[in-house]
N, C-alpha and C. Protein backbone atom coordinates (compact mmCIF):
# COMPACT_ATOMS: atom_id res chain seq x y z
N MET A 1 -97.99 -212.32 174.72
CA MET A 1 -98.75 -211.29 174.06
C MET A 1 -97.87 -210.05 173.91
N VAL A 2 -97.78 -209.53 172.70
CA VAL A 2 -96.96 -208.36 172.43
C VAL A 2 -97.86 -207.13 172.43
N GLN A 3 -97.46 -206.19 173.22
CA GLN A 3 -98.22 -204.94 173.24
C GLN A 3 -97.56 -203.93 172.32
N VAL A 4 -98.34 -203.32 171.50
CA VAL A 4 -97.85 -202.27 170.61
C VAL A 4 -98.31 -200.94 171.18
N LYS A 5 -97.36 -200.12 171.45
CA LYS A 5 -97.67 -198.81 172.00
C LYS A 5 -98.11 -197.89 170.87
N GLU A 6 -99.30 -197.36 170.97
CA GLU A 6 -99.82 -196.47 169.93
C GLU A 6 -99.21 -195.09 170.12
N GLU A 7 -98.67 -194.59 169.01
CA GLU A 7 -98.07 -193.24 169.06
C GLU A 7 -99.16 -192.21 169.17
N LEU A 8 -98.92 -191.24 170.00
CA LEU A 8 -99.84 -190.10 170.06
C LEU A 8 -99.62 -189.25 168.82
N LYS A 9 -100.68 -188.98 168.16
CA LYS A 9 -100.58 -188.14 166.97
C LYS A 9 -100.88 -186.72 167.41
N MET A 10 -99.82 -185.92 167.42
CA MET A 10 -99.97 -184.54 167.85
C MET A 10 -100.49 -183.71 166.69
N ARG A 11 -101.37 -182.79 167.00
CA ARG A 11 -101.89 -181.84 166.02
C ARG A 11 -101.63 -180.44 166.55
N TYR A 12 -101.31 -179.54 165.62
CA TYR A 12 -100.95 -178.18 166.00
C TYR A 12 -101.78 -177.19 165.19
N SER A 13 -102.17 -176.12 165.84
CA SER A 13 -102.87 -175.04 165.16
C SER A 13 -101.85 -174.18 164.42
N ILE A 14 -102.35 -173.32 163.58
CA ILE A 14 -101.44 -172.43 162.85
C ILE A 14 -100.68 -171.53 163.82
N GLY A 15 -101.33 -171.14 164.91
CA GLY A 15 -100.65 -170.33 165.93
C GLY A 15 -99.53 -171.09 166.62
N ASP A 16 -99.79 -172.37 166.92
CA ASP A 16 -98.75 -173.21 167.54
C ASP A 16 -97.54 -173.33 166.62
N VAL A 17 -97.82 -173.59 165.35
CA VAL A 17 -96.73 -173.77 164.38
C VAL A 17 -95.98 -172.46 164.17
N ALA A 18 -96.72 -171.38 164.08
CA ALA A 18 -96.09 -170.07 163.91
C ALA A 18 -95.12 -169.79 165.05
N GLU A 19 -95.56 -170.09 166.27
CA GLU A 19 -94.70 -169.88 167.44
C GLU A 19 -93.50 -170.82 167.41
N GLU A 20 -93.74 -172.09 167.12
CA GLU A 20 -92.67 -173.09 167.08
C GLU A 20 -91.62 -172.75 166.03
N MET A 21 -92.08 -172.29 164.85
CA MET A 21 -91.18 -172.01 163.73
C MET A 21 -90.67 -170.57 163.75
N ASN A 22 -91.15 -169.77 164.69
CA ASN A 22 -90.79 -168.35 164.77
C ASN A 22 -91.12 -167.64 163.46
N LEU A 23 -92.33 -167.88 162.99
CA LEU A 23 -92.83 -167.28 161.76
C LEU A 23 -94.18 -166.64 162.05
N PRO A 24 -94.51 -165.58 161.35
CA PRO A 24 -95.87 -165.05 161.49
C PRO A 24 -96.88 -166.04 160.91
N ALA A 25 -98.04 -166.13 161.49
CA ALA A 25 -99.09 -167.00 160.96
C ALA A 25 -99.44 -166.58 159.53
N SER A 26 -99.30 -165.30 159.24
CA SER A 26 -99.60 -164.81 157.88
C SER A 26 -98.66 -165.44 156.86
N THR A 27 -97.43 -165.73 157.25
CA THR A 27 -96.48 -166.40 156.34
C THR A 27 -96.97 -167.81 156.04
N LEU A 28 -97.44 -168.51 157.05
CA LEU A 28 -97.95 -169.86 156.84
C LEU A 28 -99.19 -169.84 155.94
N ARG A 29 -100.05 -168.86 156.16
CA ARG A 29 -101.22 -168.73 155.29
C ARG A 29 -100.80 -168.43 153.86
N PHE A 30 -99.79 -167.59 153.69
CA PHE A 30 -99.27 -167.27 152.35
C PHE A 30 -98.73 -168.54 151.69
N TYR A 31 -97.95 -169.30 152.43
CA TYR A 31 -97.42 -170.56 151.89
C TYR A 31 -98.57 -171.46 151.43
N ASP A 32 -99.61 -171.52 152.23
CA ASP A 32 -100.76 -172.36 151.87
C ASP A 32 -101.42 -171.86 150.58
N ARG A 33 -101.63 -170.56 150.48
CA ARG A 33 -102.25 -169.99 149.26
C ARG A 33 -101.39 -170.25 148.03
N LYS A 34 -100.07 -170.31 148.20
CA LYS A 34 -99.16 -170.53 147.08
C LYS A 34 -98.94 -172.01 146.77
N GLY A 35 -99.63 -172.88 147.48
CA GLY A 35 -99.56 -174.30 147.19
C GLY A 35 -98.38 -175.02 147.81
N LEU A 36 -97.76 -174.42 148.82
CA LEU A 36 -96.59 -175.05 149.45
C LEU A 36 -96.96 -176.01 150.57
N LEU A 37 -98.23 -176.03 150.96
CA LEU A 37 -98.63 -176.86 152.11
C LEU A 37 -99.72 -177.87 151.75
N PRO A 38 -99.57 -178.60 150.65
CA PRO A 38 -100.64 -179.55 150.29
C PRO A 38 -100.76 -180.70 151.29
N PHE A 39 -99.78 -180.86 152.13
CA PHE A 39 -99.74 -181.94 153.10
C PHE A 39 -100.49 -181.61 154.38
N VAL A 40 -100.89 -180.36 154.57
CA VAL A 40 -101.54 -179.94 155.81
C VAL A 40 -103.03 -180.28 155.74
N ASP A 41 -103.49 -180.97 156.77
CA ASP A 41 -104.90 -181.36 156.87
C ASP A 41 -105.71 -180.17 157.38
N ARG A 42 -107.02 -180.34 157.31
CA ARG A 42 -107.96 -179.37 157.87
C ARG A 42 -108.84 -180.10 158.88
N ASP A 43 -109.18 -179.41 159.95
CA ASP A 43 -110.09 -180.04 160.92
C ASP A 43 -111.53 -179.86 160.45
N SER A 44 -112.48 -180.32 161.25
CA SER A 44 -113.89 -180.29 160.85
C SER A 44 -114.41 -178.87 160.65
N ALA A 45 -113.75 -177.90 161.26
CA ALA A 45 -114.14 -176.49 161.09
C ALA A 45 -113.39 -175.82 159.94
N GLY A 46 -112.54 -176.58 159.24
CA GLY A 46 -111.81 -176.02 158.10
C GLY A 46 -110.49 -175.34 158.47
N ARG A 47 -110.12 -175.43 159.74
CA ARG A 47 -108.85 -174.82 160.18
C ARG A 47 -107.70 -175.76 159.88
N ARG A 48 -106.54 -175.17 159.57
CA ARG A 48 -105.34 -175.98 159.30
C ARG A 48 -104.97 -176.76 160.56
N SER A 49 -104.62 -178.01 160.35
CA SER A 49 -104.26 -178.90 161.46
C SER A 49 -102.93 -179.56 161.09
N PHE A 50 -101.87 -179.06 161.67
CA PHE A 50 -100.51 -179.52 161.34
C PHE A 50 -100.14 -180.74 162.15
N LYS A 51 -99.43 -181.67 161.49
CA LYS A 51 -98.89 -182.86 162.14
C LYS A 51 -97.40 -182.63 162.41
N ASP A 52 -96.81 -183.53 163.19
CA ASP A 52 -95.38 -183.41 163.49
C ASP A 52 -94.53 -183.35 162.22
N ASN A 53 -94.81 -184.22 161.25
CA ASN A 53 -94.01 -184.26 160.02
C ASN A 53 -94.16 -182.98 159.19
N ASP A 54 -95.29 -182.28 159.36
CA ASP A 54 -95.48 -181.03 158.63
C ASP A 54 -94.43 -180.00 159.04
N LEU A 55 -93.99 -180.06 160.29
CA LEU A 55 -92.95 -179.14 160.74
C LEU A 55 -91.65 -179.39 159.99
N ASN A 56 -91.38 -180.66 159.67
CA ASN A 56 -90.20 -181.00 158.87
C ASN A 56 -90.30 -180.34 157.49
N PHE A 57 -91.47 -180.46 156.87
CA PHE A 57 -91.67 -179.82 155.57
C PHE A 57 -91.48 -178.31 155.68
N LEU A 58 -91.97 -177.71 156.74
CA LEU A 58 -91.82 -176.26 156.91
C LEU A 58 -90.36 -175.87 157.08
N GLN A 59 -89.58 -176.71 157.75
CA GLN A 59 -88.15 -176.45 157.86
C GLN A 59 -87.49 -176.47 156.49
N VAL A 60 -87.91 -177.42 155.66
CA VAL A 60 -87.38 -177.51 154.29
C VAL A 60 -87.75 -176.25 153.52
N ILE A 61 -89.00 -175.84 153.61
CA ILE A 61 -89.46 -174.64 152.90
C ILE A 61 -88.67 -173.42 153.36
N GLU A 62 -88.50 -173.27 154.65
CA GLU A 62 -87.75 -172.12 155.18
C GLU A 62 -86.30 -172.14 154.71
N CYS A 63 -85.68 -173.31 154.71
CA CYS A 63 -84.30 -173.43 154.24
C CYS A 63 -84.22 -173.01 152.78
N MET A 64 -85.12 -173.54 151.97
CA MET A 64 -85.10 -173.22 150.54
C MET A 64 -85.33 -171.73 150.30
N LYS A 65 -86.24 -171.16 151.08
CA LYS A 65 -86.51 -169.72 150.96
C LYS A 65 -85.25 -168.93 151.30
N LYS A 66 -84.58 -169.30 152.38
CA LYS A 66 -83.35 -168.60 152.78
C LYS A 66 -82.23 -168.79 151.78
N CYS A 67 -82.27 -169.89 151.03
CA CYS A 67 -81.27 -170.13 149.98
C CYS A 67 -81.54 -169.27 148.75
N GLY A 68 -82.71 -168.66 148.70
CA GLY A 68 -83.04 -167.80 147.57
C GLY A 68 -83.90 -168.47 146.51
N MET A 69 -84.40 -169.66 146.81
CA MET A 69 -85.28 -170.32 145.84
C MET A 69 -86.61 -169.57 145.75
N THR A 70 -87.19 -169.57 144.57
CA THR A 70 -88.47 -168.91 144.36
C THR A 70 -89.59 -169.79 144.89
N ILE A 71 -90.75 -169.18 145.06
CA ILE A 71 -91.94 -169.93 145.50
C ILE A 71 -92.23 -171.04 144.48
N THR A 72 -92.09 -170.73 143.20
CA THR A 72 -92.34 -171.73 142.16
C THR A 72 -91.38 -172.91 142.30
N GLU A 73 -90.10 -172.64 142.56
CA GLU A 73 -89.12 -173.72 142.72
C GLU A 73 -89.42 -174.55 143.96
N ILE A 74 -89.80 -173.88 145.04
CA ILE A 74 -90.12 -174.60 146.28
C ILE A 74 -91.38 -175.44 146.06
N ARG A 75 -92.38 -174.88 145.41
CA ARG A 75 -93.61 -175.63 145.14
C ARG A 75 -93.30 -176.87 144.29
N HIS A 76 -92.40 -176.73 143.31
CA HIS A 76 -92.01 -177.87 142.49
C HIS A 76 -91.41 -178.97 143.37
N PHE A 77 -90.54 -178.59 144.30
CA PHE A 77 -89.93 -179.57 145.20
C PHE A 77 -91.00 -180.25 146.05
N ILE A 78 -91.91 -179.46 146.62
CA ILE A 78 -92.98 -180.02 147.45
C ILE A 78 -93.85 -180.96 146.62
N ASP A 79 -94.15 -180.55 145.38
CA ASP A 79 -94.94 -181.43 144.49
C ASP A 79 -94.22 -182.75 144.27
N LEU A 80 -92.90 -182.69 144.07
CA LEU A 80 -92.13 -183.93 143.92
C LEU A 80 -92.24 -184.80 145.17
N CYS A 81 -92.15 -184.17 146.34
CA CYS A 81 -92.27 -184.92 147.59
C CYS A 81 -93.62 -185.61 147.69
N MET A 82 -94.66 -184.91 147.26
CA MET A 82 -96.01 -185.46 147.37
C MET A 82 -96.20 -186.65 146.42
N GLN A 83 -95.38 -186.76 145.39
CA GLN A 83 -95.48 -187.88 144.45
C GLN A 83 -94.86 -189.17 145.00
N GLY A 84 -94.08 -189.04 146.05
CA GLY A 84 -93.52 -190.22 146.69
C GLY A 84 -92.17 -190.65 146.14
N ASP A 85 -91.87 -191.91 146.36
CA ASP A 85 -90.55 -192.46 146.09
C ASP A 85 -90.12 -192.39 144.62
N VAL A 86 -91.05 -192.31 143.71
CA VAL A 86 -90.67 -192.27 142.29
C VAL A 86 -89.88 -191.00 141.95
N THR A 87 -89.90 -190.02 142.86
CA THR A 87 -89.19 -188.76 142.59
C THR A 87 -87.96 -188.58 143.47
N LEU A 88 -87.52 -189.62 144.15
CA LEU A 88 -86.37 -189.49 145.05
C LEU A 88 -85.15 -188.91 144.33
N MET A 89 -84.81 -189.44 143.16
CA MET A 89 -83.63 -188.96 142.44
C MET A 89 -83.84 -187.52 141.98
N ASP A 90 -85.04 -187.18 141.54
CA ASP A 90 -85.32 -185.80 141.12
C ASP A 90 -85.13 -184.83 142.29
N ARG A 91 -85.60 -185.23 143.46
CA ARG A 91 -85.45 -184.38 144.64
C ARG A 91 -83.98 -184.25 145.03
N TYR A 92 -83.27 -185.36 144.99
CA TYR A 92 -81.84 -185.32 145.30
C TYR A 92 -81.11 -184.38 144.35
N GLU A 93 -81.38 -184.51 143.07
CA GLU A 93 -80.71 -183.68 142.06
C GLU A 93 -81.06 -182.20 142.22
N LEU A 94 -82.30 -181.92 142.57
CA LEU A 94 -82.69 -180.53 142.82
C LEU A 94 -81.89 -179.95 143.99
N LEU A 95 -81.78 -180.73 145.06
CA LEU A 95 -81.02 -180.26 146.23
C LEU A 95 -79.54 -180.16 145.92
N GLU A 96 -79.03 -181.08 145.13
CA GLU A 96 -77.62 -181.03 144.74
C GLU A 96 -77.33 -179.74 143.96
N LYS A 97 -78.22 -179.41 143.04
CA LYS A 97 -78.08 -178.17 142.26
C LYS A 97 -78.15 -176.94 143.17
N GLU A 98 -79.07 -176.97 144.11
CA GLU A 98 -79.21 -175.84 145.04
C GLU A 98 -77.99 -175.72 145.94
N ALA A 99 -77.43 -176.84 146.36
CA ALA A 99 -76.22 -176.81 147.19
C ALA A 99 -75.07 -176.16 146.42
N ALA A 100 -74.95 -176.46 145.13
CA ALA A 100 -73.90 -175.85 144.31
C ALA A 100 -74.12 -174.35 144.21
N THR A 101 -75.37 -173.93 144.08
CA THR A 101 -75.68 -172.50 144.03
C THR A 101 -75.32 -171.81 145.35
N VAL A 102 -75.63 -172.46 146.45
CA VAL A 102 -75.31 -171.89 147.77
C VAL A 102 -73.80 -171.80 147.96
N LYS A 103 -73.06 -172.81 147.50
CA LYS A 103 -71.60 -172.76 147.60
C LYS A 103 -71.05 -171.57 146.82
N GLU A 104 -71.62 -171.31 145.65
CA GLU A 104 -71.20 -170.14 144.87
C GLU A 104 -71.51 -168.85 145.62
N GLN A 105 -72.69 -168.79 146.25
CA GLN A 105 -73.06 -167.61 147.04
C GLN A 105 -72.10 -167.42 148.21
N ILE A 106 -71.75 -168.53 148.85
CA ILE A 106 -70.80 -168.45 149.98
C ILE A 106 -69.46 -167.93 149.50
N GLN A 107 -68.99 -168.42 148.35
CA GLN A 107 -67.70 -167.96 147.83
C GLN A 107 -67.76 -166.48 147.49
N THR A 108 -68.86 -166.04 146.91
CA THR A 108 -69.02 -164.62 146.60
C THR A 108 -68.99 -163.80 147.88
N LEU A 109 -69.71 -164.25 148.89
CA LEU A 109 -69.71 -163.55 150.17
C LEU A 109 -68.33 -163.58 150.82
N GLN A 110 -67.63 -164.70 150.72
CA GLN A 110 -66.28 -164.80 151.29
C GLN A 110 -65.35 -163.81 150.59
N ASP A 111 -65.46 -163.72 149.26
CA ASP A 111 -64.64 -162.75 148.51
C ASP A 111 -64.95 -161.33 148.96
N GLN A 112 -66.23 -161.03 149.18
CA GLN A 112 -66.60 -159.70 149.64
C GLN A 112 -66.07 -159.44 151.04
N LEU A 113 -66.15 -160.44 151.91
CA LEU A 113 -65.63 -160.29 153.26
C LEU A 113 -64.12 -160.09 153.24
N ASP A 114 -63.42 -160.85 152.41
CA ASP A 114 -61.98 -160.69 152.28
C ASP A 114 -61.62 -159.28 151.84
N PHE A 115 -62.39 -158.74 150.88
CA PHE A 115 -62.11 -157.38 150.41
C PHE A 115 -62.39 -156.37 151.53
N LEU A 116 -63.48 -156.58 152.28
CA LEU A 116 -63.77 -155.68 153.40
C LEU A 116 -62.64 -155.72 154.44
N HIS A 117 -62.11 -156.91 154.70
CA HIS A 117 -60.99 -157.03 155.64
C HIS A 117 -59.76 -156.27 155.12
N TYR A 118 -59.51 -156.39 153.82
CA TYR A 118 -58.40 -155.65 153.23
C TYR A 118 -58.61 -154.16 153.44
N LYS A 119 -59.81 -153.65 153.16
CA LYS A 119 -60.08 -152.21 153.30
C LYS A 119 -60.01 -151.80 154.78
N MET A 120 -60.46 -152.69 155.67
CA MET A 120 -60.35 -152.37 157.09
C MET A 120 -58.89 -152.23 157.49
N TRP A 121 -58.04 -153.15 157.00
CA TRP A 121 -56.60 -153.06 157.27
C TRP A 121 -56.06 -151.74 156.73
N TYR A 122 -56.46 -151.41 155.50
CA TYR A 122 -56.01 -150.17 154.86
C TYR A 122 -56.34 -148.97 155.75
N PHE A 123 -57.59 -148.90 156.20
CA PHE A 123 -57.99 -147.75 157.01
C PHE A 123 -57.45 -147.83 158.43
N LYS A 124 -57.31 -149.04 158.99
CA LYS A 124 -56.73 -149.15 160.32
C LYS A 124 -55.30 -148.63 160.31
N THR A 125 -54.52 -149.05 159.32
CA THR A 125 -53.13 -148.58 159.26
C THR A 125 -53.07 -147.08 158.98
N SER A 126 -54.02 -146.57 158.21
CA SER A 126 -54.08 -145.13 157.96
C SER A 126 -54.42 -144.37 159.23
N VAL A 127 -55.39 -144.90 160.00
CA VAL A 127 -55.76 -144.27 161.27
C VAL A 127 -54.58 -144.27 162.22
N GLU A 128 -53.88 -145.41 162.31
CA GLU A 128 -52.72 -145.50 163.20
C GLU A 128 -51.63 -144.52 162.80
N ALA A 129 -51.44 -144.31 161.50
CA ALA A 129 -50.43 -143.37 161.02
C ALA A 129 -50.97 -141.94 160.96
N GLU A 130 -52.27 -141.82 161.20
CA GLU A 130 -52.97 -140.53 161.15
C GLU A 130 -52.91 -139.89 159.76
N THR A 131 -52.71 -140.73 158.75
CA THR A 131 -52.73 -140.24 157.37
C THR A 131 -52.86 -141.41 156.41
N GLU A 132 -53.51 -141.15 155.32
CA GLU A 132 -53.63 -142.14 154.26
C GLU A 132 -52.39 -142.12 153.37
N ASP A 133 -51.55 -141.13 153.56
CA ASP A 133 -50.34 -140.98 152.74
C ASP A 133 -49.44 -142.22 152.79
N ILE A 134 -49.52 -143.00 153.87
CA ILE A 134 -48.65 -144.18 153.97
C ILE A 134 -48.93 -145.19 152.87
N HIS A 135 -50.09 -145.09 152.25
CA HIS A 135 -50.46 -146.03 151.19
C HIS A 135 -50.38 -145.40 149.80
N MET A 136 -49.88 -144.17 149.73
CA MET A 136 -49.88 -143.45 148.46
C MET A 136 -48.49 -143.36 147.85
N VAL A 137 -48.47 -143.27 146.53
CA VAL A 137 -47.24 -143.03 145.78
C VAL A 137 -47.53 -141.92 144.77
N PRO A 138 -46.47 -141.18 144.38
CA PRO A 138 -46.70 -140.13 143.38
C PRO A 138 -47.07 -140.74 142.03
N SER A 139 -47.86 -140.00 141.28
CA SER A 139 -48.20 -140.43 139.92
C SER A 139 -48.31 -139.19 139.04
N GLY A 140 -48.49 -139.40 137.77
CA GLY A 140 -48.60 -138.28 136.84
C GLY A 140 -49.79 -137.39 137.15
N ASP A 141 -50.80 -137.93 137.81
CA ASP A 141 -52.01 -137.17 138.16
C ASP A 141 -51.97 -136.67 139.60
N GLY A 142 -50.86 -136.77 140.24
CA GLY A 142 -50.75 -136.38 141.64
C GLY A 142 -50.26 -137.55 142.47
N ARG A 143 -51.17 -138.20 143.14
CA ARG A 143 -50.81 -139.37 143.91
C ARG A 143 -51.92 -140.40 143.80
N ARG A 144 -51.54 -141.65 144.02
CA ARG A 144 -52.50 -142.75 143.94
C ARG A 144 -52.10 -143.83 144.93
N VAL A 145 -52.99 -144.76 145.12
CA VAL A 145 -52.72 -145.88 146.03
C VAL A 145 -51.58 -146.69 145.43
N ALA A 146 -50.65 -147.09 146.28
CA ALA A 146 -49.49 -147.86 145.85
C ALA A 146 -49.94 -149.12 145.10
N PRO A 147 -49.31 -149.40 143.97
CA PRO A 147 -49.71 -150.56 143.18
C PRO A 147 -49.50 -151.90 143.90
N ASP A 148 -48.62 -151.94 144.87
CA ASP A 148 -48.39 -153.20 145.59
C ASP A 148 -49.15 -153.26 146.92
N ILE A 149 -50.18 -152.45 147.05
CA ILE A 149 -50.91 -152.38 148.32
C ILE A 149 -51.53 -153.72 148.71
N HIS A 150 -52.06 -154.44 147.72
CA HIS A 150 -52.65 -155.76 148.02
C HIS A 150 -51.57 -156.73 148.49
N GLU A 151 -50.39 -156.64 147.90
CA GLU A 151 -49.28 -157.50 148.33
C GLU A 151 -48.87 -157.15 149.76
N GLN A 152 -48.85 -155.86 150.09
CA GLN A 152 -48.54 -155.44 151.46
C GLN A 152 -49.54 -156.05 152.45
N TYR A 153 -50.81 -156.00 152.07
CA TYR A 153 -51.85 -156.58 152.92
C TYR A 153 -51.65 -158.08 153.07
N ARG A 154 -51.41 -158.79 151.97
CA ARG A 154 -51.22 -160.25 152.02
C ARG A 154 -50.03 -160.61 152.91
N GLU A 155 -48.95 -159.83 152.82
CA GLU A 155 -47.78 -160.09 153.68
C GLU A 155 -48.14 -159.88 155.14
N ALA A 156 -48.87 -158.81 155.44
CA ALA A 156 -49.29 -158.56 156.81
C ALA A 156 -50.22 -159.68 157.29
N LEU A 157 -51.09 -160.14 156.42
CA LEU A 157 -52.03 -161.20 156.75
C LEU A 157 -51.30 -162.50 157.06
N GLU A 158 -50.27 -162.81 156.30
CA GLU A 158 -49.49 -164.03 156.54
C GLU A 158 -48.76 -163.99 157.87
N LYS A 159 -48.38 -162.81 158.31
CA LYS A 159 -47.62 -162.67 159.56
C LYS A 159 -48.50 -162.63 160.80
N CYS A 160 -49.77 -162.34 160.62
CA CYS A 160 -50.62 -162.17 161.81
C CYS A 160 -51.13 -163.52 162.29
N HIS A 161 -51.40 -163.59 163.60
CA HIS A 161 -51.94 -164.81 164.19
C HIS A 161 -53.44 -164.71 164.38
N ASP A 162 -53.93 -163.49 164.39
CA ASP A 162 -55.35 -163.25 164.63
C ASP A 162 -55.81 -162.13 163.72
N LEU A 163 -56.73 -162.43 162.84
CA LEU A 163 -57.20 -161.44 161.87
C LEU A 163 -57.70 -160.18 162.55
N SER A 164 -58.35 -160.32 163.69
CA SER A 164 -58.88 -159.14 164.37
C SER A 164 -57.76 -158.17 164.75
N GLU A 165 -56.60 -158.69 165.09
CA GLU A 165 -55.46 -157.81 165.40
C GLU A 165 -55.05 -157.00 164.18
N LEU A 166 -55.20 -157.59 163.01
CA LEU A 166 -54.78 -156.95 161.77
C LEU A 166 -55.78 -155.89 161.32
N ILE A 167 -57.07 -156.11 161.54
CA ILE A 167 -58.06 -155.22 160.94
C ILE A 167 -58.83 -154.35 161.93
N GLU A 168 -58.85 -154.72 163.20
CA GLU A 168 -59.67 -153.96 164.14
C GLU A 168 -58.87 -152.87 164.84
N ILE A 169 -59.51 -151.72 164.94
CA ILE A 169 -58.90 -150.58 165.63
C ILE A 169 -59.20 -150.71 167.12
N GLU A 170 -58.19 -150.51 167.90
CA GLU A 170 -58.35 -150.53 169.36
C GLU A 170 -58.92 -149.18 169.77
N ARG A 171 -60.21 -149.11 169.90
CA ARG A 171 -60.89 -147.84 170.18
C ARG A 171 -60.62 -147.30 171.57
N ASP A 172 -60.50 -148.20 172.57
CA ASP A 172 -60.24 -147.75 173.93
C ASP A 172 -58.92 -147.00 173.99
N GLU A 173 -57.87 -147.51 173.34
CA GLU A 173 -56.57 -146.86 173.32
C GLU A 173 -56.66 -145.51 172.61
N ARG A 174 -57.43 -145.45 171.53
CA ARG A 174 -57.60 -144.17 170.82
C ARG A 174 -58.30 -143.14 171.69
N LYS A 175 -59.33 -143.58 172.43
CA LYS A 175 -60.05 -142.67 173.30
C LYS A 175 -59.11 -142.14 174.39
N GLN A 176 -58.29 -143.04 174.95
CA GLN A 176 -57.36 -142.63 175.99
C GLN A 176 -56.32 -141.66 175.44
N ALA A 177 -55.82 -141.93 174.24
CA ALA A 177 -54.81 -141.06 173.64
C ALA A 177 -55.38 -139.70 173.29
N ASN A 178 -56.63 -139.68 172.87
CA ASN A 178 -57.27 -138.41 172.48
C ASN A 178 -57.96 -137.74 173.65
N GLY A 179 -58.20 -138.48 174.70
CA GLY A 179 -59.01 -137.98 175.82
C GLY A 179 -58.19 -137.33 176.82
């Protein structure tokens, strides 16, 4: 005789889910009003009753929200999920498109971070020299930043072993020198 162990079906209140997901319950109610939670059951009193798999859907919703997808786009994805296997390729393609968008966002942020590091190097070296003049050259209008300043930074970057050494000011040493 083979015994089949029956799985316990866990149910969670909106408060339980809010705590588990580190979200306000009002956010979950908002998601429900916007049609993002068609999979959530209601108990006999009409209260939302979340299942284990609903938490997976909520993780997907939160990820998509953090990626910058609109409520309409997220609802479209959830609607596709609710249609079942006939939409597997549509869901894959939607996620593939979103991944490409996120990669572009990451590259934009990386470019911004790289520029901030360059400016930090610029100001760190100016602070160490106690003047910004080290980066200036004469021009017809007075003085301007040296045209090869980015090349100077790239050369310094290639020689360093630790970016923090290149861009971070040692504040303790400055305090001691000034103190």
